[in-house]
């Protein structure tokens, strides 16, 4: 019997009871095995001689992606979020739609993505769906649909619908990140375009977030059950979910925007400062002075000699 049925019939049901999710374990093991096979077997034949198949940073991003997927899809976040607390469900969706996709994109080598989509029709389709307008609209449409009460209530009872929603959520988010940090540089926007694009992604989710925060009654009936985790009532649970979506998503996106702003403009500003001193060998020199030819730098003796060669100005006649 499912935890939802137990919660409706017996208020002593244990929300923290461990449940094995074999399908999640198979998915995680399959992804790890596929990545290792691609890197060790396919990668050496797909890159130029002397080029790294995968960087250390990409390996770190891949490990973080797998851990994020596992944490969001397995016990206890999955079980609490799907049956008892919508705020936990919202945390799960934030992990799958906001935090996991950029890690997955950064973990993917260019040669691997090129191998998956090809260079013909597959690439053209991929390029169309990664256009900023198309990818942004698609991602936000999926986010909005996954918060419709009828869809949320139905997904709790239908496993196929439930996993399909998660698949479309992650897939649309990965497409959304491609114009920003994807492996294909030709699909990237400029820095200003990226910042405006990410700002737009932080605005649309405020609609369901505000709706959940200020709703007077119960929005999702399937979470209105006798068993209350931590004693949180259903209204406070909805408000917590709205706060997680609003604050978590906005802060995440804006943090990236601020980082991109300073990375873009502080580098050029730093290079223009003549007071920056760099080490050449064991001595510190002024980059501006180092760039000038030696004869252009005047010494104190040269200046004194030049003054001595200039005749003194005649004294003006005094009138009585």
C-alpha atoms as a PDB file:
ATOM      1  CA  UNK A   1       0.000   0.000   0.000  1.00  0.00           C
ATOM      2  CA  UNK A   2       1.339   3.429  -0.957  1.00  0.00           C
ATOM      3  CA  UNK A   3       2.302   6.018   1.713  1.00  0.00           C
ATOM      4  CA  UNK A   4      -0.475   8.296   0.427  1.00  0.00           C
ATOM      5  CA  UNK A   5      -3.139   5.661   1.139  1.00  0.00           C
ATOM      6  CA  UNK A   6      -1.607   4.983   4.554  1.00  0.00           C
ATOM      7  CA  UNK A   7      -1.605   8.655   5.377  1.00  0.00           C
ATOM      8  CA  UNK A   8      -5.293   8.928   4.524  1.00  0.00           C
ATOM      9  CA  UNK A   9      -6.296   5.869   6.560  1.00  0.00           C
ATOM     10  CA  UNK A  10      -3.878   5.938   9.472  1.00  0.00           C
ATOM     11  CA  UNK A  11      -2.571   9.103  11.113  1.00  0.00           C
ATOM     12  CA  UNK A  12       0.239   7.056  12.691  1.00  0.00           C
ATOM     13  CA  UNK A  13       1.841   6.410   9.282  1.00  0.00           C
ATOM     14  CA  UNK A  14       5.587   7.062   9.428  1.00  0.00           C
ATOM     15  CA  UNK A  15       6.675   9.659   6.855  1.00  0.00           C
ATOM     16  CA  UNK A  16      10.340   8.797   7.468  1.00  0.00           C
ATOM     17  CA  UNK A  17      10.051   5.087   6.715  1.00  0.00           C
ATOM     18  CA  UNK A  18      12.808   4.061   4.314  1.00  0.00           C
ATOM     19  CA  UNK A  19      11.728   3.052   0.816  1.00  0.00           C
ATOM     20  CA  UNK A  20      14.045   1.547  -1.778  1.00  0.00           C
ATOM     21  CA  UNK A  21      13.889   3.158  -5.220  1.00  0.00           C
ATOM     22  CA  UNK A  22      15.612   0.592  -7.403  1.00  0.00           C
ATOM     23  CA  UNK A  23      14.784   2.510 -10.582  1.00  0.00           C
ATOM     24  CA  UNK A  24      16.770   5.494  -9.296  1.00  0.00           C
ATOM     25  CA  UNK A  25      19.761   3.322  -8.432  1.00  0.00           C
ATOM     26  CA  UNK A  26      19.666   1.729 -11.897  1.00  0.00           C
ATOM     27  CA  UNK A  27      19.507   5.172 -13.512  1.00  0.00           C
ATOM     28  CA  UNK A  28      22.464   6.489 -11.497  1.00  0.00           C
ATOM     29  CA  UNK A  29      24.603   3.395 -12.135  1.00  0.00           C
ATOM     30  CA  UNK A  30      23.686   3.481 -15.820  1.00  0.00           C
ATOM     31  CA  UNK A  31      24.692   7.133 -16.193  1.00  0.00           C
ATOM     32  CA  UNK A  32      28.020   6.558 -14.435  1.00  0.00           C
ATOM     33  CA  UNK A  33      28.776   3.480 -16.547  1.00  0.00           C
ATOM     34  CA  UNK A  34      27.862   5.262 -19.782  1.00  0.00           C
ATOM     35  CA  UNK A  35      30.027   8.266 -18.901  1.00  0.00           C
ATOM     36  CA  UNK A  36      33.031   6.091 -18.032  1.00  0.00           C
ATOM     37  CA  UNK A  37      32.647   4.085 -21.249  1.00  0.00           C
ATOM     38  CA  UNK A  38      32.355   7.250 -23.353  1.00  0.00           C
ATOM     39  CA  UNK A  39      35.410   8.859 -21.766  1.00  0.00           C
ATOM     40  CA  UNK A  40      37.670   5.792 -21.810  1.00  0.00           C
ATOM     41  CA  UNK A  41      36.618   4.039 -25.019  1.00  0.00           C
ATOM     42  CA  UNK A  42      35.028   6.575 -27.380  1.00  0.00           C
ATOM     43  CA  UNK A  43      36.767   9.760 -26.243  1.00  0.00           C
ATOM     44  CA  UNK A  44      40.359   8.900 -27.265  1.00  0.00           C
ATOM     45  CA  UNK A  45      39.201   8.349 -30.860  1.00  0.00           C
ATOM     46  CA  UNK A  46      37.037  11.489 -30.941  1.00  0.00           C
ATOM     47  CA  UNK A  47      39.591  14.141 -29.934  1.00  0.00           C
ATOM     48  CA  UNK A  48      42.757  15.297 -31.632  1.00  0.00           C
ATOM     49  CA  UNK A  49      46.056  13.739 -30.505  1.00  0.00           C
ATOM     50  CA  UNK A  50      47.424  15.480 -27.435  1.00  0.00           C
ATOM     51  CA  UNK A  51      44.051  16.961 -26.467  1.00  0.00           C
ATOM     52  CA  UNK A  52      42.430  15.899 -23.167  1.00  0.00           C
ATOM     53  CA  UNK A  53      39.366  13.711 -23.509  1.00  0.00           C
ATOM     54  CA  UNK A  54      37.805  15.263 -20.407  1.00  0.00           C
ATOM     55  CA  UNK A  55      39.113  17.887 -18.016  1.00  0.00           C
ATOM     56  CA  UNK A  56      39.363  17.558 -14.266  1.00  0.00           C
ATOM     57  CA  UNK A  57      36.713  20.255 -13.877  1.00  0.00           C
ATOM     58  CA  UNK A  58      34.291  18.344 -16.098  1.00  0.00           C
ATOM     59  CA  UNK A  59      34.794  15.243 -13.961  1.00  0.00           C
ATOM     60  CA  UNK A  60      33.964  17.241 -10.826  1.00  0.00           C
ATOM     61  CA  UNK A  61      30.834  18.648 -12.471  1.00  0.00           C
ATOM     62  CA  UNK A  62      29.733  15.159 -13.493  1.00  0.00           C
ATOM     63  CA  UNK A  63      30.113  13.793  -9.959  1.00  0.00           C
ATOM     64  CA  UNK A  64      28.134  16.782  -8.637  1.00  0.00           C
ATOM     65  CA  UNK A  65      25.425  16.146 -11.259  1.00  0.00           C
ATOM     66  CA  UNK A  66      25.034  12.489 -10.280  1.00  0.00           C
ATOM     67  CA  UNK A  67      24.936  13.303  -6.560  1.00  0.00           C
ATOM     68  CA  UNK A  68      22.330  16.024  -7.150  1.00  0.00           C
ATOM     69  CA  UNK A  69      20.177  13.656  -9.209  1.00  0.00           C
ATOM     70  CA  UNK A  70      20.439  10.937  -6.590  1.00  0.00           C
ATOM     71  CA  UNK A  71      19.600  13.241  -3.685  1.00  0.00           C
ATOM     72  CA  UNK A  72      16.585  14.739  -5.462  1.00  0.00           C
ATOM     73  CA  UNK A  73      15.152  11.430  -6.707  1.00  0.00           C
ATOM     74  CA  UNK A  74      15.701   9.077  -3.777  1.00  0.00           C
ATOM     75  CA  UNK A  75      14.637   8.787  -0.142  1.00  0.00           C
ATOM     76  CA  UNK A  76      13.912  10.914   1.860  1.00  0.00           C
ATOM     77  CA  UNK A  77      13.372  14.036  -0.312  1.00  0.00           C
ATOM     78  CA  UNK A  78      11.407  12.169  -2.949  1.00  0.00           C
ATOM     79  CA  UNK A  79       9.121  10.343  -0.486  1.00  0.00           C
ATOM     80  CA  UNK A  80       8.429  13.347   1.735  1.00  0.00           C
ATOM     81  CA  UNK A  81       7.941  15.610  -1.294  1.00  0.00           C
ATOM     82  CA  UNK A  82       5.618  13.324  -3.221  1.00  0.00           C
ATOM     83  CA  UNK A  83       3.355  12.380  -0.317  1.00  0.00           C
ATOM     84  CA  UNK A  84       3.510  14.707   2.666  1.00  0.00           C
ATOM     85  CA  UNK A  85       5.016  18.175   2.117  1.00  0.00           C
ATOM     86  CA  UNK A  86       4.689  20.238  -1.038  1.00  0.00           C
ATOM     87  CA  UNK A  87       7.606  22.376   0.153  1.00  0.00           C
ATOM     88  CA  UNK A  88       9.825  19.281  -0.063  1.00  0.00           C
ATOM     89  CA  UNK A  89       8.363  18.622  -3.505  1.00  0.00           C
ATOM     90  CA  UNK A  90       9.302  22.182  -4.489  1.00  0.00           C
ATOM     91  CA  UNK A  91      12.839  21.672  -3.205  1.00  0.00           C
ATOM     92  CA  UNK A  92      13.058  18.535  -5.338  1.00  0.00           C
ATOM     93  CA  UNK A  93      11.906  20.441  -8.423  1.00  0.00           C
ATOM     94  CA  UNK A  94      14.367  23.272  -7.743  1.00  0.00           C
ATOM     95  CA  UNK A  95      17.189  20.762  -7.611  1.00  0.00           C
ATOM     96  CA  UNK A  96      16.074  19.124 -10.875  1.00  0.00           C
ATOM     97  CA  UNK A  97      15.261  22.285 -12.842  1.00  0.00           C
ATOM     98  CA  UNK A  98      17.693  24.924 -11.525  1.00  0.00           C
ATOM     99  CA  UNK A  99      20.713  23.337  -9.836  1.00  0.00           C
ATOM    100  CA  UNK A 100      21.282  20.043 -11.696  1.00  0.00           C
ATOM    101  CA  UNK A 101      21.014  21.160 -15.387  1.00  0.00           C
ATOM    102  CA  UNK A 102      23.906  23.688 -15.410  1.00  0.00           C
ATOM    103  CA  UNK A 103      26.121  21.102 -13.713  1.00  0.00           C
ATOM    104  CA  UNK A 104      25.198  18.541 -16.372  1.00  0.00           C
ATOM    105  CA  UNK A 105      25.913  21.015 -19.186  1.00  0.00           C
ATOM    106  CA  UNK A 106      29.308  21.948 -17.738  1.00  0.00           C
ATOM    107  CA  UNK A 107      30.185  18.253 -17.317  1.00  0.00           C
ATOM    108  CA  UNK A 108      29.600  17.416 -20.981  1.00  0.00           C
ATOM    109  CA  UNK A 109      32.620  17.545 -23.325  1.00  0.00           C
ATOM    110  CA  UNK A 110      32.016  19.106 -26.723  1.00  0.00           C
ATOM    111  CA  UNK A 111      32.959  15.953 -28.621  1.00  0.00           C
ATOM    112  CA  UNK A 112      30.417  13.900 -26.666  1.00  0.00           C
ATOM    113  CA  UNK A 113      27.509  16.240 -27.422  1.00  0.00           C
ATOM    114  CA  UNK A 114      28.597  16.423 -31.064  1.00  0.00           C
ATOM    115  CA  UNK A 115      28.607  12.632 -31.195  1.00  0.00           C
ATOM    116  CA  UNK A 116      25.101  12.430 -29.689  1.00  0.00           C
ATOM    117  CA  UNK A 117      23.345  14.957 -31.947  1.00  0.00           C
ATOM    118  CA  UNK A 118      25.503  14.614 -35.067  1.00  0.00           C
ATOM    119  CA  UNK A 119      26.211  17.368 -37.569  1.00  0.00           C
ATOM    120  CA  UNK A 120      23.214  17.142 -39.908  1.00  0.00           C
ATOM    121  CA  UNK A 121      19.503  17.259 -39.181  1.00  0.00           C
ATOM    122  CA  UNK A 122      20.034  16.440 -35.496  1.00  0.00           C
ATOM    123  CA  UNK A 123      22.284  19.467 -35.101  1.00  0.00           C
ATOM    124  CA  UNK A 124      19.771  21.741 -36.868  1.00  0.00           C
ATOM    125  CA  UNK A 125      16.944  20.567 -34.607  1.00  0.00           C
ATOM    126  CA  UNK A 126      19.163  20.987 -31.552  1.00  0.00           C
ATOM    127  CA  UNK A 127      20.164  24.489 -32.665  1.00  0.00           C
ATOM    128  CA  UNK A 128      16.513  25.476 -33.113  1.00  0.00           C
ATOM    129  CA  UNK A 129      15.514  24.333 -29.623  1.00  0.00           C
ATOM    130  CA  UNK A 130      18.534  26.052 -28.044  1.00  0.00           C
ATOM    131  CA  UNK A 131      17.694  29.458 -29.480  1.00  0.00           C
ATOM    132  CA  UNK A 132      17.256  31.755 -26.459  1.00  0.00           C
ATOM    133  CA  UNK A 133      13.598  32.592 -27.171  1.00  0.00           C
ATOM    134  CA  UNK A 134      12.604  28.991 -27.939  1.00  0.00           C
ATOM    135  CA  UNK A 135      14.546  27.457 -25.038  1.00  0.00           C
ATOM    136  CA  UNK A 136      13.396  30.120 -22.559  1.00  0.00           C
ATOM    137  CA  UNK A 137       9.716  29.818 -23.494  1.00  0.00           C
ATOM    138  CA  UNK A 138       9.857  26.013 -23.462  1.00  0.00           C
ATOM    139  CA  UNK A 139      11.509  25.860 -20.036  1.00  0.00           C
ATOM    140  CA  UNK A 140       9.117  28.318 -18.410  1.00  0.00           C
ATOM    141  CA  UNK A 141       6.104  26.606 -20.013  1.00  0.00           C
ATOM    142  CA  UNK A 142       7.160  23.297 -18.454  1.00  0.00           C
ATOM    143  CA  UNK A 143       7.697  25.007 -15.078  1.00  0.00           C
ATOM    144  CA  UNK A 144       4.210  26.526 -15.211  1.00  0.00           C
ATOM    145  CA  UNK A 145       2.542  23.252 -16.275  1.00  0.00           C
ATOM    146  CA  UNK A 146       4.193  21.291 -13.454  1.00  0.00           C
ATOM    147  CA  UNK A 147       2.497  23.595 -10.924  1.00  0.00           C
ATOM    148  CA  UNK A 148      -1.065  23.240 -12.228  1.00  0.00           C
ATOM    149  CA  UNK A 149      -3.107  21.646  -9.385  1.00  0.00           C
ATOM    150  CA  UNK A 150      -4.658  18.965 -11.606  1.00  0.00           C
ATOM    151  CA  UNK A 151      -1.254  17.947 -12.960  1.00  0.00           C
ATOM    152  CA  UNK A 152       0.331  17.828  -9.498  1.00  0.00           C
ATOM    153  CA  UNK A 153      -2.510  15.763  -8.045  1.00  0.00           C
ATOM    154  CA  UNK A 154      -2.525  13.349 -10.997  1.00  0.00           C
ATOM    155  CA  UNK A 155       1.265  12.872 -11.008  1.00  0.00           C
ATOM    156  CA  UNK A 156       1.139  11.546  -7.451  1.00  0.00           C
ATOM    157  CA  UNK A 157      -1.075   8.654  -8.547  1.00  0.00           C
ATOM    158  CA  UNK A 158       0.412   7.986 -11.985  1.00  0.00           C
ATOM    159  CA  UNK A 159       4.067   6.903 -12.045  1.00  0.00           C
ATOM    160  CA  UNK A 160       4.426   7.307 -15.823  1.00  0.00           C
ATOM    161  CA  UNK A 161       3.156  10.892 -15.685  1.00  0.00           C
ATOM    162  CA  UNK A 162       5.323  11.581 -12.662  1.00  0.00           C
ATOM    163  CA  UNK A 163       8.602  10.509 -14.285  1.00  0.00           C
ATOM    164  CA  UNK A 164       7.621  12.087 -17.612  1.00  0.00           C
ATOM    165  CA  UNK A 165       7.219  15.473 -15.938  1.00  0.00           C
ATOM    166  CA  UNK A 166      10.638  15.143 -14.327  1.00  0.00           C
ATOM    167  CA  UNK A 167      12.174  14.155 -17.664  1.00  0.00           C
ATOM    168  CA  UNK A 168      10.705  17.169 -19.490  1.00  0.00           C
ATOM    169  CA  UNK A 169      11.657  19.456 -16.612  1.00  0.00           C
ATOM    170  CA  UNK A 170      15.324  18.430 -16.712  1.00  0.00           C
ATOM    171  CA  UNK A 171      15.492  18.288 -20.520  1.00  0.00           C
ATOM    172  CA  UNK A 172      13.975  21.753 -21.037  1.00  0.00           C
ATOM    173  CA  UNK A 173      16.282  23.196 -18.379  1.00  0.00           C
ATOM    174  CA  UNK A 174      19.348  21.710 -20.113  1.00  0.00           C
ATOM    175  CA  UNK A 175      18.246  23.309 -23.397  1.00  0.00           C
ATOM    176  CA  UNK A 176      17.721  26.595 -21.581  1.00  0.00           C
ATOM    177  CA  UNK A 177      21.329  26.613 -20.328  1.00  0.00           C
ATOM    178  CA  UNK A 178      22.908  25.779 -23.701  1.00  0.00           C
ATOM    179  CA  UNK A 179      23.044  29.407 -24.999  1.00  0.00           C
ATOM    180  CA  UNK A 180      24.808  30.401 -21.766  1.00  0.00           C
ATOM    181  CA  UNK A 181      27.357  27.705 -20.876  1.00  0.00           C
ATOM    182  CA  UNK A 182      26.869  24.958 -23.472  1.00  0.00           C
ATOM    183  CA  UNK A 183      29.793  23.145 -25.136  1.00  0.00           C
ATOM    184  CA  UNK A 184      29.024  24.705 -28.558  1.00  0.00           C
ATOM    185  CA  UNK A 185      30.452  28.219 -28.504  1.00  0.00           C
ATOM    186  CA  UNK A 186      28.648  29.158 -31.724  1.00  0.00           C
ATOM    187  CA  UNK A 187      25.346  28.960 -29.841  1.00  0.00           C
ATOM    188  CA  UNK A 188      26.420  31.338 -27.073  1.00  0.00           C
ATOM    189  CA  UNK A 189      25.082  34.847 -26.650  1.00  0.00           C
ATOM    190  CA  UNK A 190      27.177  37.834 -25.633  1.00  0.00           C
ATOM    191  CA  UNK A 191      27.662  38.699 -21.970  1.00  0.00           C
ATOM    192  CA  UNK A 192      24.901  41.317 -21.966  1.00  0.00           C
ATOM    193  CA  UNK A 193      22.505  38.931 -23.704  1.00  0.00           C
ATOM    194  CA  UNK A 194      23.287  36.161 -21.226  1.00  0.00           C
ATOM    195  CA  UNK A 195      22.601  38.388 -18.231  1.00  0.00           C
ATOM    196  CA  UNK A 196      19.300  39.650 -19.660  1.00  0.00           C
ATOM    197  CA  UNK A 197      18.341  36.087 -20.586  1.00  0.00           C
ATOM    198  CA  UNK A 198      19.005  34.727 -17.077  1.00  0.00           C
ATOM    199  CA  UNK A 199      17.187  37.671 -15.525  1.00  0.00           C
ATOM    200  CA  UNK A 200      14.113  36.751 -17.581  1.00  0.00           C
ATOM    201  CA  UNK A 201      14.324  33.163 -16.311  1.00  0.00           C
ATOM    202  CA  UNK A 202      14.181  34.485 -12.740  1.00  0.00           C
ATOM    203  CA  UNK A 203      11.044  36.564 -13.362  1.00  0.00           C
ATOM    204  CA  UNK A 204       8.549  34.056 -14.779  1.00  0.00           C
ATOM    205  CA  UNK A 205       8.630  31.594 -11.810  1.00  0.00           C
ATOM    206  CA  UNK A 206       7.527  34.392  -9.484  1.00  0.00           C
ATOM    207  CA  UNK A 207       3.976  33.909 -10.817  1.00  0.00           C
ATOM    208  CA  UNK A 208       3.355  30.438  -9.307  1.00  0.00           C
ATOM    209  CA  UNK A 209       5.540  31.380  -6.337  1.00  0.00           C
ATOM    210  CA  UNK A 210       3.353  34.396  -5.519  1.00  0.00           C
ATOM    211  CA  UNK A 211       0.223  32.357  -6.103  1.00  0.00           C
ATOM    212  CA  UNK A 212       1.331  29.724  -3.581  1.00  0.00           C
ATOM    213  CA  UNK A 213       2.512  32.284  -1.040  1.00  0.00           C
ATOM    214  CA  UNK A 214      -0.693  34.329  -0.947  1.00  0.00           C
ATOM    215  CA  UNK A 215      -3.299  31.617  -1.599  1.00  0.00           C
ATOM    216  CA  UNK A 216      -6.128  31.642   0.971  1.00  0.00           C
ATOM    217  CA  UNK A 217      -7.097  27.970   0.737  1.00  0.00           C
ATOM    218  CA  UNK A 218      -5.529  24.628  -0.062  1.00  0.00           C
ATOM    219  CA  UNK A 219      -4.128  24.600  -3.601  1.00  0.00           C
ATOM    220  CA  UNK A 220      -3.104  20.939  -3.862  1.00  0.00           C
ATOM    221  CA  UNK A 221      -5.666  18.609  -2.299  1.00  0.00           C
ATOM    222  CA  UNK A 222      -3.332  15.603  -2.240  1.00  0.00           C
ATOM    223  CA  UNK A 223      -1.186  17.305   0.395  1.00  0.00           C
ATOM    224  CA  UNK A 224      -4.154  18.023   2.675  1.00  0.00           C
ATOM    225  CA  UNK A 225      -3.698  14.834   4.752  1.00  0.00           C
ATOM    226  CA  UNK A 226      -3.832  14.099   8.502  1.00  0.00           C
ATOM    227  CA  UNK A 227      -0.143  13.246   8.835  1.00  0.00           C
ATOM    228  CA  UNK A 228       1.855  16.484   9.162  1.00  0.00           C
ATOM    229  CA  UNK A 229       5.646  16.279   9.028  1.00  0.00           C
ATOM    230  CA  UNK A 230       7.247  18.499  11.699  1.00  0.00           C
ATOM    231  CA  UNK A 231       3.735  19.710  12.541  1.00  0.00           C
ATOM    232  CA  UNK A 232       3.627  22.013   9.472  1.00  0.00           C
ATOM    233  CA  UNK A 233       0.037  22.650   8.406  1.00  0.00           C
ATOM    234  CA  UNK A 234      -0.986  22.626   4.752  1.00  0.00           C
ATOM    235  CA  UNK A 235      -1.194  26.430   4.366  1.00  0.00           C
ATOM    236  CA  UNK A 236       2.232  27.038   5.871  1.00  0.00           C
ATOM    237  CA  UNK A 237       3.557  24.230   3.690  1.00  0.00           C
ATOM    238  CA  UNK A 238       2.300  26.043   0.573  1.00  0.00           C
ATOM    239  CA  UNK A 239       3.834  29.312   1.738  1.00  0.00           C
ATOM    240  CA  UNK A 240       7.166  27.612   2.361  1.00  0.00           C
ATOM    241  CA  UNK A 241       7.022  26.132  -1.147  1.00  0.00           C
ATOM    242  CA  UNK A 242       6.387  29.570  -2.662  1.00  0.00           C
ATOM    243  CA  UNK A 243       9.303  31.035  -0.690  1.00  0.00           C
ATOM    244  CA  UNK A 244      11.636  28.250  -1.842  1.00  0.00           C
ATOM    245  CA  UNK A 245      10.707  28.823  -5.462  1.00  0.00           C
ATOM    246  CA  UNK A 246      10.910  32.605  -5.289  1.00  0.00           C
ATOM    247  CA  UNK A 247      13.964  33.124  -3.104  1.00  0.00           C
ATOM    248  CA  UNK A 248      15.914  30.038  -4.164  1.00  0.00           C
ATOM    249  CA  UNK A 249      15.432  30.458  -7.904  1.00  0.00           C
ATOM    250  CA  UNK A 250      15.892  34.226  -7.920  1.00  0.00           C
ATOM    251  CA  UNK A 251      18.992  34.210  -5.729  1.00  0.00           C
ATOM    252  CA  UNK A 252      20.538  31.420  -7.794  1.00  0.00           C
ATOM    253  CA  UNK A 253      20.010  33.212 -11.100  1.00  0.00           C
ATOM    254  CA  UNK A 254      21.021  36.631  -9.802  1.00  0.00           C
ATOM    255  CA  UNK A 255      24.182  35.229  -8.230  1.00  0.00           C
ATOM    256  CA  UNK A 256      25.228  33.941 -11.652  1.00  0.00           C
ATOM    257  CA  UNK A 257      24.349  37.288 -13.263  1.00  0.00           C
ATOM    258  CA  UNK A 258      26.463  39.202 -10.735  1.00  0.00           C
ATOM    259  CA  UNK A 259      29.361  36.793 -11.191  1.00  0.00           C
ATOM    260  CA  UNK A 260      29.196  37.183 -14.977  1.00  0.00           C
ATOM    261  CA  UNK A 261      29.059  40.985 -14.682  1.00  0.00           C
ATOM    262  CA  UNK A 262      32.204  41.246 -12.571  1.00  0.00           C
ATOM    263  CA  UNK A 263      34.019  38.583 -14.591  1.00  0.00           C
ATOM    264  CA  UNK A 264      33.312  40.485 -17.822  1.00  0.00           C
ATOM    265  CA  UNK A 265      34.052  44.044 -16.741  1.00  0.00           C
ATOM    266  CA  UNK A 266      36.540  43.732 -13.890  1.00  0.00           C
ATOM    267  CA  UNK A 267      39.101  41.981 -16.110  1.00  0.00           C
ATOM    268  CA  UNK A 268      39.256  44.887 -18.573  1.00  0.00           C
ATOM    269  CA  UNK A 269      39.333  47.432 -15.770  1.00  0.00           C
ATOM    270  CA  UNK A 270      42.206  45.648 -14.051  1.00  0.00           C
ATOM    271  CA  UNK A 271      44.277  45.544 -17.235  1.00  0.00           C
ATOM    272  CA  UNK A 272      43.947  49.313 -17.726  1.00  0.00           C
ATOM    273  CA  UNK A 273      45.372  50.263 -14.334  1.00  0.00           C
ATOM    274  CA  UNK A 274      48.953  51.562 -14.701  1.00  0.00           C
ATOM    275  CA  UNK A 275      49.583  51.245 -10.969  1.00  0.00           C
ATOM    276  CA  UNK A 276      49.357  47.443 -11.162  1.00  0.00           C
ATOM    277  CA  UNK A 277      52.875  46.082 -10.691  1.00  0.00           C
ATOM    278  CA  UNK A 278      53.914  42.687 -11.955  1.00  0.00           C
ATOM    279  CA  UNK A 279      56.950  40.587 -11.131  1.00  0.00           C
ATOM    280  CA  UNK A 280      59.589  40.102 -13.797  1.00  0.00           C
ATOM    281  CA  UNK A 281      62.139  37.706 -12.430  1.00  0.00           C
ATOM    282  CA  UNK A 282      62.832  38.929  -8.883  1.00  0.00           C
ATOM    283  CA  UNK A 283      61.890  42.572  -9.337  1.00  0.00           C
ATOM    284  CA  UNK A 284      58.550  44.307  -9.490  1.00  0.00           C
ATOM    285  CA  UNK A 285      58.039  46.638 -12.438  1.00  0.00           C
ATOM    286  CA  UNK A 286      55.378  48.984 -13.665  1.00  0.00           C
ATOM    287  CA  UNK A 287      53.753  47.465 -16.787  1.00  0.00           C
ATOM    288  CA  UNK A 288      53.333  50.931 -18.348  1.00  0.00           C
ATOM    289  CA  UNK A 289      57.004  51.800 -17.767  1.00  0.00           C
ATOM    290  CA  UNK A 290      58.144  48.380 -18.974  1.00  0.00           C
ATOM    291  CA  UNK A 291      56.291  48.898 -22.251  1.00  0.00           C
ATOM    292  CA  UNK A 292      58.164  52.184 -22.981  1.00  0.00           C
ATOM    293  CA  UNK A 293      61.567  52.179 -24.727  1.00  0.00           C
ATOM    294  CA  UNK A 294      64.558  52.780 -22.464  1.00  0.00           C
ATOM    295  CA  UNK A 295      65.435  56.146 -24.043  1.00  0.00           C
ATOM    296  CA  UNK A 296      61.920  57.474 -23.311  1.00  0.00           C
ATOM    297  CA  UNK A 297      62.477  57.237 -19.551  1.00  0.00           C
ATOM    298  CA  UNK A 298      64.195  60.426 -18.259  1.00  0.00           C
ATOM    299  CA  UNK A 299      66.595  60.321 -15.322  1.00  0.00           C
ATOM    300  CA  UNK A 300      67.187  63.044 -12.743  1.00  0.00           C
ATOM    301  CA  UNK A 301      70.619  63.854 -14.223  1.00  0.00           C
ATOM    302  CA  UNK A 302      69.141  64.315 -17.708  1.00  0.00           C
ATOM    303  CA  UNK A 303      66.518  66.719 -16.422  1.00  0.00           C
ATOM    304  CA  UNK A 304      69.113  68.747 -14.464  1.00  0.00           C
ATOM    305  CA  UNK A 305      71.422  68.966 -17.499  1.00  0.00           C
ATOM    306  CA  UNK A 306      68.547  70.146 -19.688  1.00  0.00           C
ATOM    307  CA  UNK A 307      67.710  72.960 -17.243  1.00  0.00           C
ATOM    308  CA  UNK A 308      71.357  74.084 -17.145  1.00  0.00           C
ATOM    309  CA  UNK A 309      71.472  74.428 -20.944  1.00  0.00           C
ATOM    310  CA  UNK A 310      68.521  76.790 -20.992  1.00  0.00           C
ATOM    311  CA  UNK A 311      69.657  80.435 -20.546  1.00  0.00           C
ATOM    312  CA  UNK A 312      68.125  82.357 -17.710  1.00  0.00           C
ATOM    313  CA  UNK A 313      65.380  84.778 -18.580  1.00  0.00           C
ATOM    314  CA  UNK A 314      66.445  88.500 -18.581  1.00  0.00           C
ATOM    315  CA  UNK A 315      65.394  90.506 -15.552  1.00  0.00           C
ATOM    316  CA  UNK A 316      62.612  92.995 -16.335  1.00  0.00           C
ATOM    317  CA  UNK A 317      63.526  96.744 -16.247  1.00  0.00           C
ATOM    318  CA  UNK A 318      62.368  98.497 -13.147  1.00  0.00           C
ATOM    319  CA  UNK A 319      60.481 101.700 -13.681  1.00  0.00           C
ATOM    320  CA  UNK A 320      60.784 104.515 -11.164  1.00  0.00           C
END
